[in-house]
Amino acid sequence: MNHGQFYKADQLVEAVHKNAGGMFAGFRAAHAFGRIYKGAFTPTAQAKSLSRASHFQGPLVPVTARLSGVSGDPNQKPENVIAMATKFYLSDGTITDLIGITLPAFFAGTPEEFFGFEEARAADPATGKPDRARLLAYLTNHPNAARVVQTLQSQLAPVSLAQTSFRALHTYRFSNRADESHWARYHWEPEAGVAGQPVEELAKKPHDYLFNEFEGRLKQAAVAFRLDLQLGQEGDPVHDPSAVWPDDRERITVGRLELTRPITLEELGDPVMMHDPTRVTDGIEVSPDDQIIALRRGAYLLSVAQRTGGWQKRSPVMVQQGCPFHLAGSSNSLPAETVATQPQSTDKVLSKTQIPYQKLVP
């Protein structure tokens, strides 16, 4: 049963903060450290046969892509799981999002499985380490979670963000103008080819290494990714992101993403920049029975309220950056000592101007 997008959303956000070691004011609960890049998406001729979605019709569509680690601690280096969240800026003024990650699948198919996994891997208060027997007992009864954990133990870290493939985990229904529909899963594949390295090798590099290396490439040429749709067959689960589809499922290339340069939230005029896997457009639908994708939207909305101050505008980072609605002494401000202990956001969140849509076009 799908309980809706706010079912236990507060518990999910709390669990994510706990895993990160606390709440870091002004930062996302997850994927705290990241940078945003400007680019364009060009659909293939075959894309419109699968979906009537605006960005599948052509010509090119301006995009931004936020590449990030997964931790909610902005001081933690990226490891062997990273993400790419892409926004497509459509000609009618709306936006659609696509969130990709390097997980082989999600480790839970329902909110109850998510919290069960979190409880199983929680640190024992007496030792400060996970109870191995408890975790193994949980994984024995949850083979999908066990498969993800086993894969991650040997999964390599990226050599470059430009040589990393990403998948969206969830299944979407794509419908064309004739109302012919297919269930499919997204895959981003790098044109430079996939390459990895041991996690221990990446750990020797500086905190910003992956992003600086990526930007070094951008100074030479655009970095490109191919967008594939993996088509489901009868019996393939479309509601469970923890279920892996067979590798032999047909893939169709529906577009090409080119990233050209870094871009800041200040340039974009979007201080929140929330990426939402349920923000689709006509011609693309989420699975109505996917409980995790529903929960993600509720959790993201709650997380945005926490890091921005919500309607009350009580954000310590905004105080530090001089926002008039957050000035010390106002009813919406927080104590200065709260601000002083927080790291600065790498997304440069304040903006004084909203740039025109045309400025996004390469």
Protein backbone atom coordinates (compact mmCIF):
# COMPACT_ATOMS: atom_id res chain seq x y z
CA MET A 1 0.00 0.00 0.00
CA ASN A 2 1.30 3.45 -0.95
CA HIS A 3 0.66 5.71 2.05
CA GLY A 4 1.61 8.93 0.24
CA GLN A 5 4.58 11.22 0.08
CA PHE A 6 4.65 12.39 3.72
CA TYR A 7 4.28 8.97 5.33
CA LYS A 8 7.19 8.77 7.80
CA ALA A 9 9.06 11.47 5.84
CA ASP A 10 10.20 13.09 9.10
CA GLN A 11 11.66 9.79 10.28
CA LEU A 12 13.52 9.33 7.01
CA VAL A 13 15.12 12.78 7.21
CA GLU A 14 16.03 12.17 10.85
CA ALA A 15 17.66 8.87 9.91
CA VAL A 16 19.69 10.50 7.14
CA HIS A 17 20.93 13.23 9.50
CA LYS A 18 21.86 10.58 12.06
CA ASN A 19 23.93 8.69 9.49
CA ALA A 20 25.74 11.90 8.56
CA GLY A 21 26.63 12.59 12.16
CA GLY A 22 24.18 15.43 12.63
CA MET A 23 22.51 18.30 10.81
CA PHE A 24 24.70 20.73 8.86
CA ALA A 25 22.80 24.02 8.59
CA GLY A 26 22.22 25.18 5.03
CA PHE A 27 23.16 21.83 3.52
CA ARG A 28 21.03 19.03 2.13
CA ALA A 29 20.31 16.11 4.44
CA ALA A 30 22.00 13.91 1.82
CA HIS A 31 24.31 14.78 -1.08
CA ALA A 32 25.54 17.78 0.91
CA PHE A 33 28.75 18.33 -1.05
CA GLY A 34 28.31 18.95 -4.76
CA ARG A 35 28.70 21.33 -7.66
CA ILE A 36 26.37 22.34 -10.46
CA TYR A 37 27.14 22.39 -14.18
CA LYS A 38 25.43 23.95 -17.17
CA GLY A 39 24.73 22.06 -20.35
CA ALA A 40 22.21 20.94 -22.94
CA PHE A 41 20.26 17.79 -23.75
CA THR A 42 19.57 16.76 -27.34
CA PRO A 43 17.05 13.94 -27.96
CA THR A 44 17.58 11.25 -30.56
CA ALA A 45 15.17 10.73 -33.43
CA GLN A 46 13.87 7.62 -31.69
CA ALA A 47 13.04 9.41 -28.43
CA LYS A 48 9.73 10.85 -29.63
CA SER A 49 8.52 7.38 -30.62
CA LEU A 50 8.71 6.36 -26.96
CA SER A 51 7.41 9.48 -25.25
CA ARG A 52 5.62 12.72 -26.05
CA ALA A 53 7.62 14.44 -23.28
CA SER A 54 8.71 17.90 -24.37
CA HIS A 55 12.46 17.28 -24.02
CA PHE A 56 12.15 14.12 -26.15
CA GLN A 57 10.85 16.07 -29.17
CA GLY A 58 13.79 18.32 -30.01
CA PRO A 59 15.62 20.57 -30.52
CA LEU A 60 18.07 20.80 -27.62
CA VAL A 61 16.89 21.64 -24.09
CA PRO A 62 18.98 23.60 -21.57
CA VAL A 63 19.91 21.65 -18.44
CA THR A 64 21.81 21.82 -15.20
CA ALA A 65 23.40 18.80 -13.55
CA ARG A 66 24.41 18.67 -9.90
CA LEU A 67 27.16 16.13 -9.27
CA SER A 68 27.63 15.16 -5.64
CA GLY A 69 28.73 12.70 -3.03
CA VAL A 70 25.99 11.02 -1.02
CA SER A 71 26.83 11.91 2.56
CA GLY A 72 24.93 14.58 4.46
CA ASP A 73 28.28 15.70 5.90
CA PRO A 74 29.80 18.24 3.47
CA ASN A 75 33.25 17.57 4.89
CA GLN A 76 33.20 13.89 3.90
CA LYS A 77 35.00 12.94 0.72
CA PRO A 78 33.05 11.16 -2.04
CA GLU A 79 33.60 7.41 -2.06
CA ASN A 80 32.18 4.70 -4.34
CA VAL A 81 28.62 6.06 -4.47
CA ILE A 82 28.04 9.41 -6.18
CA ALA A 83 25.05 11.03 -7.84
CA MET A 84 24.03 13.23 -10.76
CA ALA A 85 20.76 15.18 -10.51
CA THR A 86 19.70 16.74 -13.80
CA LYS A 87 17.14 19.50 -14.40
CA PHE A 88 15.61 19.93 -17.84
CA TYR A 89 14.33 23.49 -18.43
CA LEU A 90 11.39 23.02 -20.79
CA SER A 91 10.16 25.54 -23.33
CA ASP A 92 6.80 26.01 -21.59
CA GLY A 93 8.54 27.32 -18.48
CA THR A 94 8.28 24.13 -16.44
CA ILE A 95 11.06 21.85 -15.20
CA THR A 96 11.45 18.09 -15.02
CA ASP A 97 14.08 16.29 -12.94
CA LEU A 98 16.08 13.10 -13.34
CA ILE A 99 18.14 11.83 -10.41
CA GLY A 100 20.81 9.23 -11.11
CA ILE A 101 23.13 7.44 -8.70
CA THR A 102 25.81 4.74 -8.80
CA LEU A 103 23.92 2.33 -6.55
CA PRO A 104 23.07 -0.97 -8.30
CA ALA A 105 19.57 -0.70 -6.76
CA PHE A 106 17.98 0.78 -3.67
CA PHE A 107 18.26 -1.28 -0.50
CA ALA A 108 14.55 -1.09 0.35
CA GLY A 109 11.27 -1.39 -1.48
CA THR A 110 9.01 0.02 1.24
CA PRO A 111 9.35 2.54 4.08
CA GLU A 112 9.23 -0.32 6.57
CA GLU A 113 12.17 -2.02 4.84
CA PHE A 114 14.09 1.26 4.85
CA PHE A 115 13.71 1.75 8.59
CA GLY A 116 14.35 -1.94 9.22
CA PHE A 117 17.66 -1.68 7.38
CA GLU A 118 18.60 1.50 9.25
CA GLU A 119 17.87 -0.19 12.57
CA ALA A 120 19.83 -3.30 11.59
CA ARG A 121 22.96 -1.35 10.70
CA ALA A 122 22.78 1.17 13.55
CA ALA A 123 25.79 1.34 15.82
CA ASP A 124 25.66 -0.53 19.11
CA PRO A 125 25.83 2.12 21.89
CA ALA A 126 28.26 -0.06 23.83
CA THR A 127 30.80 -0.48 21.02
CA GLY A 128 30.06 2.37 18.65
CA LYS A 129 30.02 -0.15 15.79
CA PRO A 130 27.22 -1.99 13.97
CA ASP A 131 26.10 -5.30 15.44
CA ARG A 132 27.28 -7.68 12.72
CA ALA A 133 25.00 -10.53 13.81
CA ARG A 134 21.94 -8.24 13.75
CA LEU A 135 22.80 -6.90 10.30
CA LEU A 136 23.43 -10.37 8.87
CA ALA A 137 20.12 -11.60 10.29
CA TYR A 138 18.31 -8.75 8.54
CA LEU A 139 20.09 -9.32 5.23
CA THR A 140 19.30 -13.04 5.34
CA ASN A 141 15.60 -12.19 5.31
CA HIS A 142 15.90 -9.36 2.76
CA PRO A 143 17.76 -10.64 -0.31
CA ASN A 144 17.40 -7.41 -2.30
CA ALA A 145 19.13 -5.43 0.43
CA ALA A 146 21.75 -8.15 0.75
CA ARG A 147 22.48 -7.92 -2.99
CA VAL A 148 23.07 -4.17 -2.76
CA VAL A 149 25.32 -4.47 0.30
CA GLN A 150 27.35 -7.24 -1.32
CA THR A 151 27.79 -5.26 -4.55
CA LEU A 152 28.92 -2.12 -2.72
CA GLN A 153 31.61 -4.03 -0.85
CA SER A 154 33.48 -4.55 -4.12
CA GLN A 155 32.26 -1.58 -6.14
CA LEU A 156 35.04 0.70 -7.32
CA ALA A 157 35.19 4.43 -6.72
CA PRO A 158 35.17 6.68 -9.79
CA VAL A 159 38.36 7.71 -11.55
CA SER A 160 36.47 10.70 -12.89
CA LEU A 161 32.92 12.01 -12.74
CA ALA A 162 33.18 12.08 -16.53
CA GLN A 163 33.72 8.31 -16.57
CA THR A 164 30.86 7.24 -14.34
CA SER A 165 27.52 5.68 -15.24
CA PHE A 166 24.39 6.58 -13.28
CA ARG A 167 20.99 4.92 -12.97
CA ALA A 168 17.71 6.37 -11.70
CA LEU A 169 16.65 3.23 -9.72
CA HIS A 170 12.91 3.90 -10.15
CA THR A 171 10.75 2.77 -13.06
CA TYR A 172 8.75 5.25 -15.14
CA ARG A 173 6.03 4.82 -17.74
CA PHE A 174 6.73 6.51 -21.06
CA SER A 175 3.80 7.26 -23.39
CA ASN A 176 3.97 8.63 -26.94
CA ARG A 177 1.41 10.71 -28.85
CA ALA A 178 -0.48 7.56 -29.82
CA ASP A 179 -0.77 6.65 -26.11
CA GLU A 180 1.48 3.62 -26.61
CA SER A 181 3.29 3.02 -23.33
CA HIS A 182 6.42 1.28 -22.05
CA TRP A 183 7.78 0.87 -18.54
CA ALA A 184 11.47 1.72 -18.51
CA ARG A 185 14.44 2.66 -16.35
CA TYR A 186 16.93 5.45 -17.03
CA HIS A 187 20.67 4.99 -17.46
CA TRP A 188 23.31 7.69 -18.05
CA GLU A 189 26.39 6.28 -19.82
CA PRO A 190 29.55 8.39 -20.19
CA GLU A 191 30.92 8.83 -23.71
CA ALA A 192 34.46 8.71 -22.27
CA GLY A 193 33.81 5.16 -21.04
CA VAL A 194 33.45 3.85 -17.48
CA ALA A 195 36.56 3.62 -15.30
CA GLY A 196 37.05 2.95 -11.60
CA GLN A 197 39.67 2.76 -8.90
CA PRO A 198 39.87 1.26 -5.40
CA VAL A 199 38.12 3.34 -2.76
CA GLU A 200 41.42 3.51 -0.89
CA GLU A 201 43.09 5.26 -3.84
CA LEU A 202 40.39 7.92 -4.09
CA ALA A 203 40.65 8.47 -0.33
CA LYS A 204 44.27 9.60 -0.82
CA LYS A 205 43.14 12.44 -3.06
CA PRO A 206 42.08 15.91 -1.82
CA HIS A 207 38.47 16.49 -0.80
CA ASP A 208 37.58 18.33 -4.05
CA TYR A 209 39.62 16.12 -6.37
CA LEU A 210 36.77 14.63 -8.44
CA PHE A 211 35.23 18.03 -9.09
CA ASN A 212 38.50 19.75 -9.90
CA GLU A 213 39.44 16.92 -12.27
CA PHE A 214 36.03 17.18 -13.93
CA GLU A 215 36.36 20.93 -14.37
CA GLY A 216 39.81 20.45 -15.82
CA ARG A 217 38.21 18.33 -18.53
CA LEU A 218 35.54 20.96 -19.14
CA LYS A 219 38.24 23.53 -19.90
CA GLN A 220 39.33 21.29 -22.78
CA ALA A 221 35.95 20.15 -24.12
CA ALA A 222 32.37 19.40 -23.13
CA VAL A 223 31.73 16.22 -21.14
CA ALA A 224 28.98 14.06 -22.63
CA PHE A 225 26.65 11.32 -21.38
CA ARG A 226 24.25 9.12 -23.35
CA LEU A 227 20.75 8.65 -21.95
CA ASP A 228 19.41 5.12 -22.39
CA LEU A 229 16.02 3.69 -21.52
CA GLN A 230 16.05 0.06 -20.41
CA LEU A 231 12.70 -1.37 -21.44
CA GLY A 232 10.90 -3.66 -19.05
CA GLN A 233 9.23 -6.91 -19.99
CA GLU A 234 6.16 -8.66 -18.65
CA GLY A 235 6.74 -9.60 -15.02
CA ASP A 236 9.54 -7.07 -14.36
CA PRO A 237 8.70 -5.22 -11.12
CA VAL A 238 7.88 -1.57 -11.76
CA HIS A 239 7.08 -0.53 -8.19
CA ASP A 240 10.17 -1.77 -6.34
CA PRO A 241 13.49 0.12 -6.72
CA SER A 242 15.28 -2.61 -4.76
CA ALA A 243 14.52 -5.18 -7.50
CA VAL A 244 17.13 -5.58 -10.24
CA TRP A 245 16.03 -6.21 -13.81
CA PRO A 246 17.92 -8.73 -15.97
CA ASP A 247 20.86 -7.25 -17.89
CA ASP A 248 19.53 -8.50 -21.21
CA ARG A 249 16.61 -6.07 -21.29
CA GLU A 250 16.61 -3.96 -24.45
CA ARG A 251 18.10 -0.48 -24.22
CA ILE A 252 17.24 2.43 -26.49
CA THR A 253 19.28 5.64 -26.59
CA VAL A 254 16.96 8.63 -26.27
CA GLY A 255 19.37 11.52 -25.96
CA ARG A 256 22.77 13.04 -25.34
CA LEU A 257 23.74 15.33 -22.46
CA GLU A 258 26.63 17.78 -22.87
CA LEU A 259 27.96 19.61 -19.82
CA THR A 260 30.05 22.67 -20.62
CA ARG A 261 30.93 24.68 -17.50
CA PRO A 262 30.24 25.17 -13.78
CA ILE A 263 27.27 27.35 -12.86
CA THR A 264 26.25 28.68 -9.44
CA LEU A 265 22.90 29.04 -7.75
CA GLU A 266 23.58 32.76 -7.80
CA GLU A 267 23.61 32.70 -11.59
CA LEU A 268 20.55 30.49 -11.74
CA GLY A 269 18.54 32.53 -9.27
CA ASP A 270 17.36 29.34 -7.57
CA PRO A 271 18.51 29.36 -3.93
CA VAL A 272 16.74 26.09 -3.10
CA MET A 273 17.55 23.91 -6.14
CA MET A 274 15.57 20.89 -4.99
CA HIS A 275 15.73 17.85 -7.25
CA ASP A 276 12.56 15.79 -7.16
CA PRO A 277 12.28 12.33 -8.79
CA THR A 278 8.50 12.75 -8.98
CA ARG A 279 8.70 16.03 -10.93
CA VAL A 280 7.89 14.59 -14.34
CA THR A 281 6.15 16.02 -17.39
CA ASP A 282 3.41 14.90 -19.77
CA GLY A 283 4.50 11.67 -21.42
CA ILE A 284 6.35 10.36 -18.35
CA GLU A 285 4.68 8.96 -15.21
CA VAL A 286 5.95 7.55 -11.92
CA SER A 287 4.74 4.15 -10.79
CA PRO A 288 1.73 4.79 -8.51
CA ASP A 289 2.67 1.79 -6.36
CA ASP A 290 6.32 2.82 -5.79
CA GLN A 291 6.31 3.63 -2.07
CA ILE A 292 9.93 4.77 -2.00
CA ILE A 293 9.62 7.42 -4.70
CA ALA A 294 6.58 8.84 -2.90
CA LEU A 295 8.48 8.91 0.37
CA ARG A 296 11.46 10.62 -1.28
CA ARG A 297 9.35 13.60 -2.37
CA GLY A 298 7.98 14.16 1.12
CA ALA A 299 11.43 13.79 2.66
CA TYR A 300 12.99 16.22 0.16
CA LEU A 301 10.33 18.86 0.83
CA LEU A 302 10.88 18.52 4.57
CA SER A 303 14.67 18.65 4.13
CA VAL A 304 14.36 21.84 2.06
CA ALA A 305 12.32 23.45 4.85
CA GLN A 306 15.01 22.50 7.35
CA ARG A 307 17.97 23.83 5.38
CA THR A 308 16.29 27.07 4.26
CA GLY A 309 14.27 27.82 7.37
CA GLY A 310 10.97 27.10 5.62
CA TRP A 311 8.25 29.73 5.74
CA GLN A 312 9.62 30.91 9.10
CA LYS A 313 12.94 31.80 7.43
CA ARG A 314 15.10 30.63 10.31
CA SER A 315 18.29 29.59 8.57
CA PRO A 316 21.65 30.22 10.29
CA VAL A 317 23.48 30.12 6.95
CA MET A 318 21.21 32.87 5.60
CA VAL A 319 21.96 34.94 8.72
CA GLN A 320 25.67 34.62 8.08
CA GLN A 321 25.26 35.66 4.46
CA GLY A 322 23.30 38.79 5.33
CA CYS A 323 19.77 37.94 4.27
CA PRO A 324 17.52 40.74 5.67
CA PHE A 325 14.87 38.24 6.75
CA HIS A 326 17.42 36.43 8.93
CA LEU A 327 19.35 39.29 10.52
CA ALA A 328 20.48 38.87 14.11
CA GLY A 329 17.99 40.39 16.48
CA SER A 330 14.98 39.75 14.27
CA SER A 331 12.26 37.36 15.35
CA ASN A 332 13.37 34.94 12.64
CA SER A 333 17.07 34.81 13.51
CA LEU A 334 19.12 32.21 15.33
CA PRO A 335 21.96 32.83 17.81
CA ALA A 336 25.29 33.80 16.23
CA GLU A 337 27.10 30.95 17.97
CA THR A 338 24.89 28.50 16.09
CA VAL A 339 26.09 29.96 12.81
CA ALA A 340 29.75 30.00 13.74
CA THR A 341 29.94 26.23 14.07
CA GLN A 342 28.54 25.50 10.60
CA PRO A 343 30.55 25.04 7.38
CA GLN A 344 29.78 27.16 4.36
CA SER A 345 27.55 25.72 1.64
CA THR A 346 29.39 24.96 -1.59
CA ASP A 347 26.28 25.80 -3.61
CA LYS A 348 26.52 29.61 -3.02
CA VAL A 349 22.85 29.88 -2.23
CA LEU A 350 22.05 33.62 -2.29
CA SER A 351 21.01 35.39 -5.46
CA LYS A 352 19.91 38.95 -6.17
CA THR A 353 18.73 38.43 -9.72
CA GLN A 354 16.76 35.84 -11.65
CA ILE A 355 18.44 35.09 -14.96
CA PRO A 356 16.36 34.72 -18.12
CA TYR A 357 15.60 31.26 -19.50
CA GLN A 358 17.71 32.07 -22.57
CA LYS A 359 20.87 32.39 -20.46
CA LEU A 360 20.77 28.65 -19.84
CA VAL A 361 21.06 27.88 -23.54
CA PRO A 362 24.69 27.05 -24.41
